[in-house]
Amino acid sequence: MEQKSLLITKDTIIGDIVENYPETIEPLMEMGVHCVGCHVSPYESLEAGFKGHGMSDEEIDEALKKLNQAIKNNSNNKTQKEEFDFSKAKLNVTDKAARKIKELIKQEKKKGLRISVVPGGCSGFKYGMELSDDELEEDVVIEEKGIKIFLDKASMAKLDGSNVDFVDSLQGAGFKIENPNATKSCGCGNSFR
């Protein structure tokens, strides 16, 4: 296999692949390689990760073809992603979540809550939340029930139509996102595909 024409090679670091090419997460998971959410191996080369999963050189070459094809297919679909109408994007916030967000914003003297979707977790993507004063130029800002939620455009596209709730149960308290765009999620509900 000629590696010069590939975006991902055997020497590419796993953490860099997940960060720069999130479209490869699903193919990696389908191959049984769950390094995408593993905190142990993000600094390993792809070859080391594959060998650690018992893959032969031939299987690694085949995997590289699939991963690079996923990147190529994603770049062919970028025009579809760029056509997403952010003015119609919707994020539903329950009354309970809005009260909790208001409480936290007031307590920490912040302007709003930033929600993001980042590569990681055992299913490929995970949710990130933090209080923030920063409304970035490329953000989509949802103002609902007296609160502001900041999302970068890539995260908003993945979260469109989602419900944000605050749950307080025996298992713990925290924000819960019900995402209709998720095709799979892990058992703990903290990550999704």
N, C-alpha and C. Protein backbone atom coordinates (compact mmCIF):
# COMPACT_ATOMS: atom_id res chain seq x y z
N MET A 1 0.84 -1.17 0.00
CA MET A 1 0.00 0.00 0.00
C MET A 1 0.88 1.24 0.00
N GLU A 2 0.61 2.16 -0.88
CA GLU A 2 1.41 3.38 -0.96
C GLU A 2 0.91 4.37 0.08
N GLN A 3 1.73 4.65 1.08
CA GLN A 3 1.29 5.47 2.20
C GLN A 3 1.38 6.97 1.94
N LYS A 4 2.09 7.40 0.91
CA LYS A 4 2.24 8.82 0.66
C LYS A 4 0.92 9.48 0.30
N SER A 5 0.00 8.75 -0.33
CA SER A 5 -1.27 9.35 -0.75
C SER A 5 -2.33 9.28 0.35
N LEU A 6 -1.99 8.70 1.48
CA LEU A 6 -2.96 8.53 2.55
C LEU A 6 -2.88 9.68 3.56
N LEU A 7 -4.02 10.08 4.09
CA LEU A 7 -4.05 11.07 5.16
C LEU A 7 -3.68 10.41 6.49
N ILE A 8 -4.10 9.16 6.65
CA ILE A 8 -3.78 8.39 7.84
C ILE A 8 -2.84 7.27 7.43
N THR A 9 -1.73 7.14 8.16
CA THR A 9 -0.78 6.06 7.90
C THR A 9 -0.62 5.24 9.18
N LYS A 10 0.20 4.21 9.10
CA LYS A 10 0.47 3.36 10.27
C LYS A 10 1.11 4.16 11.40
N ASP A 11 1.83 5.23 11.06
CA ASP A 11 2.55 6.02 12.05
C ASP A 11 1.71 7.15 12.67
N THR A 12 0.50 7.36 12.16
CA THR A 12 -0.34 8.42 12.69
C THR A 12 -0.74 8.09 14.13
N ILE A 13 -0.72 9.09 14.98
CA ILE A 13 -1.05 8.91 16.39
C ILE A 13 -2.57 8.81 16.55
N ILE A 14 -3.03 7.84 17.35
CA ILE A 14 -4.46 7.58 17.50
C ILE A 14 -5.22 8.82 17.96
N GLY A 15 -4.69 9.54 18.94
CA GLY A 15 -5.37 10.75 19.42
C GLY A 15 -5.54 11.79 18.32
N ASP A 16 -4.53 11.92 17.43
CA ASP A 16 -4.63 12.87 16.32
C ASP A 16 -5.70 12.45 15.33
N ILE A 17 -5.83 11.15 15.11
CA ILE A 17 -6.85 10.65 14.17
C ILE A 17 -8.23 11.02 14.68
N VAL A 18 -8.49 10.73 15.94
CA VAL A 18 -9.81 10.98 16.52
C VAL A 18 -10.12 12.47 16.53
N GLU A 19 -9.13 13.28 16.87
CA GLU A 19 -9.35 14.73 16.93
C GLU A 19 -9.55 15.34 15.55
N ASN A 20 -8.71 14.95 14.58
CA ASN A 20 -8.75 15.58 13.26
C ASN A 20 -9.73 14.94 12.29
N TYR A 21 -10.06 13.67 12.50
CA TYR A 21 -10.93 12.94 11.57
C TYR A 21 -12.00 12.16 12.34
N PRO A 22 -12.94 12.85 12.99
CA PRO A 22 -13.95 12.14 13.78
C PRO A 22 -14.79 11.15 12.96
N GLU A 23 -14.79 11.32 11.65
CA GLU A 23 -15.53 10.39 10.81
C GLU A 23 -14.92 8.98 10.80
N THR A 24 -13.71 8.86 11.35
CA THR A 24 -13.07 7.53 11.43
C THR A 24 -13.47 6.77 12.69
N ILE A 25 -14.14 7.43 13.61
CA ILE A 25 -14.49 6.78 14.88
C ILE A 25 -15.37 5.56 14.65
N GLU A 26 -16.41 5.72 13.85
CA GLU A 26 -17.32 4.59 13.63
C GLU A 26 -16.62 3.41 12.96
N PRO A 27 -15.84 3.62 11.88
CA PRO A 27 -15.11 2.48 11.31
C PRO A 27 -14.16 1.82 12.30
N LEU A 28 -13.49 2.61 13.13
CA LEU A 28 -12.60 2.03 14.15
C LEU A 28 -13.40 1.15 15.12
N MET A 29 -14.53 1.65 15.55
CA MET A 29 -15.36 0.89 16.49
C MET A 29 -15.85 -0.40 15.84
N GLU A 30 -16.24 -0.32 14.57
CA GLU A 30 -16.70 -1.51 13.86
C GLU A 30 -15.60 -2.56 13.72
N MET A 31 -14.35 -2.11 13.69
CA MET A 31 -13.21 -3.03 13.60
C MET A 31 -12.86 -3.62 14.97
N GLY A 32 -13.59 -3.19 16.01
CA GLY A 32 -13.31 -3.69 17.35
C GLY A 32 -12.20 -2.95 18.05
N VAL A 33 -11.80 -1.82 17.48
CA VAL A 33 -10.73 -1.02 18.07
C VAL A 33 -11.39 0.13 18.81
N HIS A 34 -11.41 0.05 20.12
CA HIS A 34 -12.09 1.04 20.94
C HIS A 34 -11.12 2.07 21.51
N CYS A 35 -9.97 2.23 20.88
CA CYS A 35 -8.95 3.17 21.34
C CYS A 35 -9.47 4.61 21.32
N VAL A 36 -10.54 4.84 20.56
CA VAL A 36 -11.05 6.20 20.43
C VAL A 36 -11.46 6.78 21.76
N GLY A 37 -11.90 5.96 22.70
CA GLY A 37 -12.31 6.46 24.00
C GLY A 37 -11.36 6.05 25.10
N CYS A 38 -10.30 5.39 24.75
CA CYS A 38 -9.37 4.85 25.74
C CYS A 38 -8.37 5.93 26.15
N HIS A 39 -8.24 6.11 27.45
CA HIS A 39 -7.28 7.11 27.94
C HIS A 39 -5.86 6.56 27.96
N VAL A 40 -5.71 5.27 27.69
CA VAL A 40 -4.40 4.63 27.74
C VAL A 40 -3.61 4.84 26.46
N SER A 41 -4.28 4.80 25.31
CA SER A 41 -3.53 4.73 24.06
C SER A 41 -3.69 5.89 23.08
N PRO A 42 -4.07 7.11 23.48
CA PRO A 42 -4.17 8.16 22.47
C PRO A 42 -2.83 8.59 21.90
N TYR A 43 -1.72 8.21 22.58
CA TYR A 43 -0.40 8.62 22.12
C TYR A 43 0.31 7.51 21.34
N GLU A 44 -0.37 6.39 21.15
CA GLU A 44 0.20 5.28 20.37
C GLU A 44 0.01 5.55 18.89
N SER A 45 0.87 4.95 18.10
CA SER A 45 0.65 5.01 16.66
C SER A 45 -0.51 4.07 16.33
N LEU A 46 -1.12 4.29 15.19
CA LEU A 46 -2.22 3.44 14.76
C LEU A 46 -1.75 1.99 14.64
N GLU A 47 -0.55 1.80 14.10
CA GLU A 47 -0.01 0.45 13.95
C GLU A 47 0.13 -0.23 15.31
N ALA A 48 0.65 0.49 16.30
CA ALA A 48 0.82 -0.10 17.64
C ALA A 48 -0.54 -0.45 18.24
N GLY A 49 -1.52 0.42 18.06
CA GLY A 49 -2.87 0.14 18.56
C GLY A 49 -3.48 -1.08 17.88
N PHE A 50 -3.34 -1.16 16.56
CA PHE A 50 -3.87 -2.30 15.81
C PHE A 50 -3.16 -3.59 16.21
N LYS A 51 -1.84 -3.53 16.32
CA LYS A 51 -1.08 -4.73 16.72
C LYS A 51 -1.50 -5.17 18.13
N GLY A 52 -1.75 -4.19 19.00
CA GLY A 52 -2.21 -4.50 20.34
C GLY A 52 -3.56 -5.20 20.35
N HIS A 53 -4.32 -5.02 19.28
CA HIS A 53 -5.60 -5.71 19.13
C HIS A 53 -5.45 -6.99 18.32
N GLY A 54 -4.19 -7.39 18.08
CA GLY A 54 -3.93 -8.66 17.41
C GLY A 54 -4.11 -8.66 15.90
N MET A 55 -4.09 -7.49 15.27
CA MET A 55 -4.28 -7.43 13.82
C MET A 55 -2.98 -7.72 13.09
N SER A 56 -3.09 -8.42 11.98
CA SER A 56 -1.93 -8.74 11.14
C SER A 56 -1.60 -7.52 10.26
N ASP A 57 -0.44 -7.56 9.59
CA ASP A 57 -0.06 -6.48 8.68
C ASP A 57 -1.10 -6.30 7.57
N GLU A 58 -1.61 -7.43 7.05
CA GLU A 58 -2.62 -7.37 5.98
C GLU A 58 -3.91 -6.72 6.49
N GLU A 59 -4.32 -7.08 7.71
CA GLU A 59 -5.52 -6.48 8.29
C GLU A 59 -5.33 -4.99 8.55
N ILE A 60 -4.13 -4.62 8.94
CA ILE A 60 -3.83 -3.20 9.17
C ILE A 60 -3.90 -2.42 7.86
N ASP A 61 -3.34 -2.99 6.79
CA ASP A 61 -3.42 -2.33 5.47
C ASP A 61 -4.88 -2.15 5.04
N GLU A 62 -5.70 -3.16 5.26
CA GLU A 62 -7.12 -3.09 4.91
C GLU A 62 -7.83 -2.03 5.76
N ALA A 63 -7.48 -1.98 7.04
CA ALA A 63 -8.07 -0.99 7.94
C ALA A 63 -7.70 0.42 7.50
N LEU A 64 -6.46 0.63 7.10
CA LEU A 64 -6.03 1.95 6.62
C LEU A 64 -6.84 2.39 5.41
N LYS A 65 -7.11 1.43 4.50
CA LYS A 65 -7.92 1.75 3.32
C LYS A 65 -9.31 2.22 3.75
N LYS A 66 -9.92 1.50 4.71
CA LYS A 66 -11.27 1.85 5.17
C LYS A 66 -11.29 3.22 5.84
N LEU A 67 -10.29 3.49 6.67
CA LEU A 67 -10.24 4.76 7.38
C LEU A 67 -10.05 5.93 6.43
N ASN A 68 -9.14 5.76 5.47
CA ASN A 68 -8.91 6.83 4.50
C ASN A 68 -10.12 7.02 3.58
N GLN A 69 -10.83 5.93 3.29
CA GLN A 69 -12.06 6.03 2.49
C GLN A 69 -13.13 6.80 3.27
N ALA A 70 -13.21 6.58 4.58
CA ALA A 70 -14.17 7.31 5.41
C ALA A 70 -13.87 8.81 5.38
N ILE A 71 -12.59 9.17 5.40
CA ILE A 71 -12.20 10.59 5.33
C ILE A 71 -12.58 11.15 3.96
N LYS A 72 -12.30 10.39 2.91
CA LYS A 72 -12.64 10.84 1.55
C LYS A 72 -14.14 11.03 1.41
N ASN A 73 -14.92 10.06 1.91
CA ASN A 73 -16.38 10.16 1.82
C ASN A 73 -16.88 11.37 2.59
N ASN A 74 -16.27 11.65 3.74
CA ASN A 74 -16.68 12.80 4.54
C ASN A 74 -16.39 14.10 3.82
N SER A 75 -15.23 14.18 3.16
CA SER A 75 -14.91 15.42 2.44
C SER A 75 -15.85 15.59 1.25
N ASN A 76 -16.32 14.48 0.66
CA ASN A 76 -17.31 14.58 -0.41
C ASN A 76 -18.65 15.06 0.12
N ASN A 77 -18.94 14.81 1.41
CA ASN A 77 -20.21 15.20 2.01
C ASN A 77 -20.15 16.56 2.68
N LYS A 78 -19.00 17.22 2.67
CA LYS A 78 -18.86 18.51 3.38
C LYS A 78 -19.85 19.54 2.86
N THR A 79 -20.16 19.50 1.58
CA THR A 79 -21.11 20.49 1.07
C THR A 79 -22.46 20.31 1.73
N GLN A 80 -22.85 19.07 2.03
CA GLN A 80 -24.10 18.83 2.75
C GLN A 80 -24.03 19.45 4.13
N LYS A 81 -22.93 19.29 4.84
CA LYS A 81 -22.78 19.81 6.18
C LYS A 81 -22.79 21.34 6.17
N GLU A 82 -22.19 21.93 5.15
CA GLU A 82 -22.14 23.38 5.08
C GLU A 82 -23.51 23.97 4.80
N GLU A 83 -24.43 23.16 4.28
CA GLU A 83 -25.77 23.64 3.97
C GLU A 83 -26.71 23.57 5.16
N PHE A 84 -26.24 23.12 6.32
CA PHE A 84 -27.06 23.05 7.52
C PHE A 84 -27.56 24.44 7.86
N ASP A 85 -28.86 24.60 8.07
CA ASP A 85 -29.46 25.91 8.36
C ASP A 85 -29.45 26.15 9.86
N PHE A 86 -28.42 26.86 10.32
CA PHE A 86 -28.27 27.10 11.75
C PHE A 86 -29.35 28.03 12.30
N SER A 87 -29.99 28.82 11.44
CA SER A 87 -31.06 29.70 11.92
C SER A 87 -32.28 28.90 12.36
N LYS A 88 -32.39 27.66 11.90
CA LYS A 88 -33.52 26.81 12.29
C LYS A 88 -33.12 25.75 13.32
N ALA A 89 -31.86 25.79 13.75
CA ALA A 89 -31.38 24.81 14.72
C ALA A 89 -32.14 24.97 16.03
N LYS A 90 -32.41 23.84 16.67
CA LYS A 90 -33.23 23.85 17.89
C LYS A 90 -32.59 23.00 18.97
N LEU A 91 -32.59 23.53 20.16
CA LEU A 91 -32.15 22.80 21.35
C LEU A 91 -33.19 23.07 22.42
N ASN A 92 -33.83 22.03 22.92
CA ASN A 92 -34.88 22.18 23.91
C ASN A 92 -34.29 22.05 25.31
N VAL A 93 -34.65 22.97 26.18
CA VAL A 93 -34.15 22.96 27.56
C VAL A 93 -35.36 22.82 28.48
N THR A 94 -35.35 21.81 29.35
CA THR A 94 -36.47 21.63 30.28
C THR A 94 -36.44 22.74 31.33
N ASP A 95 -37.57 22.95 31.99
CA ASP A 95 -37.65 23.95 33.04
C ASP A 95 -36.64 23.65 34.16
N LYS A 96 -36.53 22.37 34.51
CA LYS A 96 -35.61 21.96 35.58
C LYS A 96 -34.16 22.27 35.20
N ALA A 97 -33.79 21.99 33.94
CA ALA A 97 -32.42 22.29 33.47
C ALA A 97 -32.19 23.79 33.45
N ALA A 98 -33.18 24.56 32.99
CA ALA A 98 -33.03 26.02 32.93
C ALA A 98 -32.83 26.60 34.32
N ARG A 99 -33.60 26.11 35.32
CA ARG A 99 -33.42 26.59 36.70
C ARG A 99 -32.01 26.29 37.21
N LYS A 100 -31.52 25.08 36.93
CA LYS A 100 -30.18 24.69 37.40
C LYS A 100 -29.10 25.53 36.70
N ILE A 101 -29.26 25.75 35.41
CA ILE A 101 -28.29 26.56 34.66
C ILE A 101 -28.27 27.99 35.21
N LYS A 102 -29.46 28.57 35.46
CA LYS A 102 -29.54 29.92 36.03
C LYS A 102 -28.82 29.98 37.37
N GLU A 103 -29.06 28.97 38.20
CA GLU A 103 -28.42 28.90 39.51
C GLU A 103 -26.90 28.87 39.39
N LEU A 104 -26.39 28.04 38.49
CA LEU A 104 -24.94 27.91 38.30
C LEU A 104 -24.33 29.18 37.71
N ILE A 105 -25.02 29.78 36.75
CA ILE A 105 -24.54 31.02 36.12
C ILE A 105 -24.43 32.13 37.16
N LYS A 106 -25.46 32.25 37.99
CA LYS A 106 -25.47 33.28 39.03
C LYS A 106 -24.35 33.02 40.05
N GLN A 107 -24.24 31.77 40.47
CA GLN A 107 -23.23 31.38 41.47
C GLN A 107 -21.81 31.64 40.99
N GLU A 108 -21.54 31.33 39.73
CA GLU A 108 -20.18 31.46 39.17
C GLU A 108 -19.95 32.78 38.42
N LYS A 109 -21.01 33.61 38.35
CA LYS A 109 -20.94 34.91 37.66
C LYS A 109 -20.48 34.76 36.21
N LYS A 110 -21.17 33.87 35.49
CA LYS A 110 -20.89 33.63 34.08
C LYS A 110 -22.08 34.06 33.24
N LYS A 111 -21.90 34.10 31.92
CA LYS A 111 -22.97 34.54 31.02
C LYS A 111 -23.83 33.40 30.50
N GLY A 112 -23.28 32.19 30.44
CA GLY A 112 -24.07 31.10 29.89
C GLY A 112 -23.37 29.76 30.03
N LEU A 113 -23.99 28.76 29.44
CA LEU A 113 -23.46 27.40 29.45
C LEU A 113 -22.98 27.04 28.05
N ARG A 114 -21.76 26.54 27.93
CA ARG A 114 -21.24 26.07 26.66
C ARG A 114 -21.41 24.55 26.61
N ILE A 115 -22.07 24.07 25.56
CA ILE A 115 -22.22 22.63 25.33
C ILE A 115 -21.47 22.31 24.06
N SER A 116 -20.68 21.24 24.10
CA SER A 116 -19.92 20.84 22.92
C SER A 116 -19.99 19.34 22.74
N VAL A 117 -19.71 18.91 21.54
CA VAL A 117 -19.58 17.49 21.21
C VAL A 117 -18.14 17.30 20.80
N VAL A 118 -17.44 16.41 21.51
CA VAL A 118 -16.02 16.19 21.24
C VAL A 118 -15.75 14.70 21.05
N PRO A 119 -14.73 14.36 20.28
CA PRO A 119 -14.38 12.94 20.14
C PRO A 119 -13.98 12.36 21.48
N GLY A 120 -14.42 11.13 21.73
CA GLY A 120 -14.05 10.46 22.97
C GLY A 120 -15.16 9.59 23.49
N GLY A 121 -14.97 9.06 24.66
CA GLY A 121 -15.94 8.15 25.23
C GLY A 121 -15.86 6.80 24.56
N CYS A 122 -16.58 5.84 25.08
CA CYS A 122 -16.48 4.49 24.53
C CYS A 122 -17.32 4.30 23.27
N SER A 123 -18.16 5.27 22.90
CA SER A 123 -18.96 5.14 21.69
C SER A 123 -18.50 6.05 20.56
N GLY A 124 -17.55 6.94 20.81
CA GLY A 124 -17.02 7.77 19.73
C GLY A 124 -17.06 9.26 20.01
N PHE A 125 -18.19 9.77 20.54
CA PHE A 125 -18.31 11.18 20.88
C PHE A 125 -18.82 11.30 22.30
N LYS A 126 -18.49 12.42 22.94
CA LYS A 126 -19.04 12.67 24.27
C LYS A 126 -19.41 14.14 24.36
N TYR A 127 -20.24 14.45 25.34
CA TYR A 127 -20.70 15.82 25.54
C TYR A 127 -19.77 16.54 26.51
N GLY A 128 -19.52 17.79 26.22
CA GLY A 128 -18.76 18.63 27.12
C GLY A 128 -19.63 19.80 27.55
N MET A 129 -19.56 20.17 28.82
CA MET A 129 -20.33 21.31 29.34
C MET A 129 -19.45 22.12 30.28
N GLU A 130 -19.52 23.44 30.13
CA GLU A 130 -18.81 24.32 31.04
C GLU A 130 -19.48 25.69 31.04
N LEU A 131 -19.43 26.34 32.16
CA LEU A 131 -19.94 27.70 32.24
C LEU A 131 -18.97 28.60 31.50
N SER A 132 -19.50 29.63 30.83
CA SER A 132 -18.63 30.43 29.97
C SER A 132 -19.08 31.89 29.91
N ASP A 133 -18.13 32.77 29.71
CA ASP A 133 -18.40 34.17 29.42
C ASP A 133 -18.18 34.45 27.94
N ASP A 134 -17.58 33.50 27.25
CA ASP A 134 -17.14 33.72 25.88
C ASP A 134 -18.17 33.30 24.85
N GLU A 135 -18.66 34.28 24.11
CA GLU A 135 -19.48 33.98 22.94
C GLU A 135 -18.56 34.19 21.75
N LEU A 136 -18.17 33.08 21.13
CA LEU A 136 -17.24 33.15 20.02
C LEU A 136 -17.98 33.55 18.74
N GLU A 137 -17.24 34.12 17.81
CA GLU A 137 -17.83 34.62 16.57
C GLU A 137 -18.59 33.54 15.80
N GLU A 138 -18.07 32.31 15.81
CA GLU A 138 -18.70 31.24 15.04
C GLU A 138 -19.74 30.45 15.84
N ASP A 139 -20.07 30.90 17.06
CA ASP A 139 -21.03 30.19 17.90
C ASP A 139 -22.47 30.35 17.41
N VAL A 140 -23.25 29.33 17.71
CA VAL A 140 -24.70 29.42 17.64
C VAL A 140 -25.11 29.66 19.09
N VAL A 141 -25.94 30.67 19.32
CA VAL A 141 -26.37 30.98 20.68
C VAL A 141 -27.86 30.71 20.79
N ILE A 142 -28.20 29.84 21.73
CA ILE A 142 -29.60 29.52 22.00
C ILE A 142 -29.99 30.31 23.24
N GLU A 143 -31.02 31.15 23.13
CA GLU A 143 -31.53 31.88 24.28
C GLU A 143 -32.93 31.36 24.55
N GLU A 144 -33.07 30.71 25.69
CA GLU A 144 -34.34 30.09 26.03
C GLU A 144 -34.53 30.11 27.54
N LYS A 145 -35.71 30.45 27.97
CA LYS A 145 -36.08 30.42 29.40
C LYS A 145 -35.12 31.24 30.26
N GLY A 146 -34.66 32.35 29.71
CA GLY A 146 -33.82 33.26 30.48
C GLY A 146 -32.36 32.86 30.59
N ILE A 147 -31.92 31.92 29.77
CA ILE A 147 -30.52 31.49 29.81
C ILE A 147 -29.94 31.52 28.40
N LYS A 148 -28.60 31.53 28.35
CA LYS A 148 -27.89 31.44 27.07
C LYS A 148 -27.09 30.15 27.05
N ILE A 149 -27.16 29.48 25.89
CA ILE A 149 -26.34 28.29 25.67
C ILE A 149 -25.52 28.55 24.42
N PHE A 150 -24.19 28.39 24.55
CA PHE A 150 -23.27 28.60 23.43
C PHE A 150 -22.87 27.24 22.87
N LEU A 151 -22.90 27.12 21.53
CA LEU A 151 -22.47 25.89 20.87
C LEU A 151 -21.68 26.25 19.62
N ASP A 152 -20.57 25.55 19.38
CA ASP A 152 -19.89 25.74 18.10
C ASP A 152 -20.76 25.08 17.03
N LYS A 153 -20.57 25.46 15.79
CA LYS A 153 -21.47 24.99 14.72
C LYS A 153 -21.44 23.48 14.53
N ALA A 154 -20.27 22.86 14.64
CA ALA A 154 -20.19 21.40 14.47
C ALA A 154 -20.99 20.70 15.56
N SER A 155 -20.90 21.21 16.79
CA SER A 155 -21.66 20.62 17.90
C SER A 155 -23.15 20.84 17.69
N MET A 156 -23.53 22.04 17.25
CA MET A 156 -24.95 22.33 17.04
C MET A 156 -25.55 21.40 15.99
N ALA A 157 -24.79 21.12 14.93
CA ALA A 157 -25.29 20.22 13.89
C ALA A 157 -25.54 18.81 14.45
N LYS A 158 -24.70 18.39 15.40
CA LYS A 158 -24.86 17.06 16.00
C LYS A 158 -25.95 17.04 17.08
N LEU A 159 -26.28 18.20 17.64
CA LEU A 159 -27.24 18.27 18.75
C LEU A 159 -28.60 18.82 18.34
N ASP A 160 -28.78 19.19 17.09
CA ASP A 160 -30.03 19.77 16.63
C ASP A 160 -31.22 18.89 17.03
N GLY A 161 -32.20 19.49 17.69
CA GLY A 161 -33.39 18.76 18.10
C GLY A 161 -33.25 18.04 19.44
N SER A 162 -32.12 18.19 20.10
CA SER A 162 -31.88 17.49 21.37
C SER A 162 -32.61 18.17 22.52
N ASN A 163 -32.81 17.39 23.58
CA ASN A 163 -33.40 17.89 24.82
C ASN A 163 -32.33 17.88 25.90
N VAL A 164 -32.24 18.99 26.62
CA VAL A 164 -31.31 19.09 27.75
C VAL A 164 -32.16 19.11 29.02
N ASP A 165 -31.88 18.17 29.91
CA ASP A 165 -32.62 18.06 31.15
C ASP A 165 -31.64 17.99 32.32
N PHE A 166 -32.13 18.24 33.52
CA PHE A 166 -31.32 18.05 34.71
C PHE A 166 -31.98 16.95 35.52
N VAL A 167 -31.20 15.92 35.84
CA VAL A 167 -31.73 14.75 36.53
C VAL A 167 -31.07 14.64 37.90
N ASP A 168 -31.88 14.41 38.92
CA ASP A 168 -31.38 14.21 40.27
C ASP A 168 -31.95 12.89 40.77
N SER A 169 -31.12 11.85 40.78
CA SER A 169 -31.60 10.51 41.14
C SER A 169 -30.61 9.83 42.08
N LEU A 170 -30.93 8.60 42.46
CA LEU A 170 -30.03 7.83 43.32
C LEU A 170 -28.67 7.60 42.68
N GLN A 171 -28.63 7.56 41.34
CA GLN A 171 -27.38 7.35 40.62
C GLN A 171 -26.54 8.62 40.53
N GLY A 172 -27.11 9.75 40.95
CA GLY A 172 -26.37 11.01 40.91
C GLY A 172 -27.17 12.10 40.23
N ALA A 173 -26.64 13.29 40.28
CA ALA A 173 -27.30 14.44 39.67
C ALA A 173 -26.44 14.96 38.54
N GLY A 174 -27.10 15.48 37.52
CA GLY A 174 -26.36 16.07 36.41
C GLY A 174 -27.25 16.33 35.23
N PHE A 175 -26.67 16.97 34.23
CA PHE A 175 -27.41 17.26 33.01
C PHE A 175 -27.45 16.02 32.14
N LYS A 176 -28.57 15.83 31.48
CA LYS A 176 -28.75 14.68 30.59
C LYS A 176 -29.20 15.21 29.24
N ILE A 177 -28.58 14.72 28.20
CA ILE A 177 -28.94 15.12 26.84
C ILE A 177 -29.58 13.94 26.13
N GLU A 178 -30.78 14.15 25.64
CA GLU A 178 -31.45 13.15 24.80
C GLU A 178 -31.28 13.63 23.37
N ASN A 179 -30.45 12.92 22.61
CA ASN A 179 -30.05 13.35 21.28
C ASN A 179 -30.69 12.46 20.22
N PRO A 180 -31.63 12.99 19.43
CA PRO A 180 -32.27 12.17 18.39
C PRO A 180 -31.33 11.84 17.23
N ASN A 181 -30.18 12.50 17.15
CA ASN A 181 -29.23 12.26 16.07
C ASN A 181 -28.25 11.14 16.39
N ALA A 182 -28.22 10.68 17.65
CA ALA A 182 -27.30 9.62 18.05
C ALA A 182 -27.82 8.28 17.51
N THR A 183 -26.94 7.54 16.84
CA THR A 183 -27.34 6.24 16.31
C THR A 183 -27.09 5.13 17.33
N LYS A 184 -26.14 5.34 18.24
CA LYS A 184 -25.82 4.39 19.31
C LYS A 184 -25.29 5.16 20.49
N SER A 185 -25.47 4.61 21.68
CA SER A 185 -24.83 5.22 22.84
C SER A 185 -24.31 4.12 23.73
N CYS A 186 -23.40 4.48 24.62
CA CYS A 186 -22.83 3.49 25.51
C CYS A 186 -23.79 3.22 26.66
N GLY A 187 -23.54 2.19 27.41
CA GLY A 187 -24.41 1.80 28.51
C GLY A 187 -24.55 2.88 29.57
N CYS A 188 -23.50 3.65 29.80
CA CYS A 188 -23.57 4.69 30.84
C CYS A 188 -24.26 5.94 30.33
N GLY A 189 -24.49 6.04 29.01
CA GLY A 189 -25.18 7.19 28.44
C GLY A 189 -24.32 8.43 28.31
N ASN A 190 -23.03 8.33 28.55
CA ASN A 190 -22.15 9.49 28.49
C ASN A 190 -21.51 9.71 27.12
N SER A 191 -21.61 8.73 26.24
CA SER A 191 -21.04 8.92 24.90
C SER A 191 -21.97 8.30 23.88
N PHE A 192 -21.77 8.71 22.62
CA PHE A 192 -22.67 8.28 21.55
C PHE A 192 -21.96 8.27 20.21
N ARG A 193 -22.63 7.72 19.23
CA ARG A 193 -22.18 7.77 17.82
C ARG A 193 -23.21 8.51 17.03
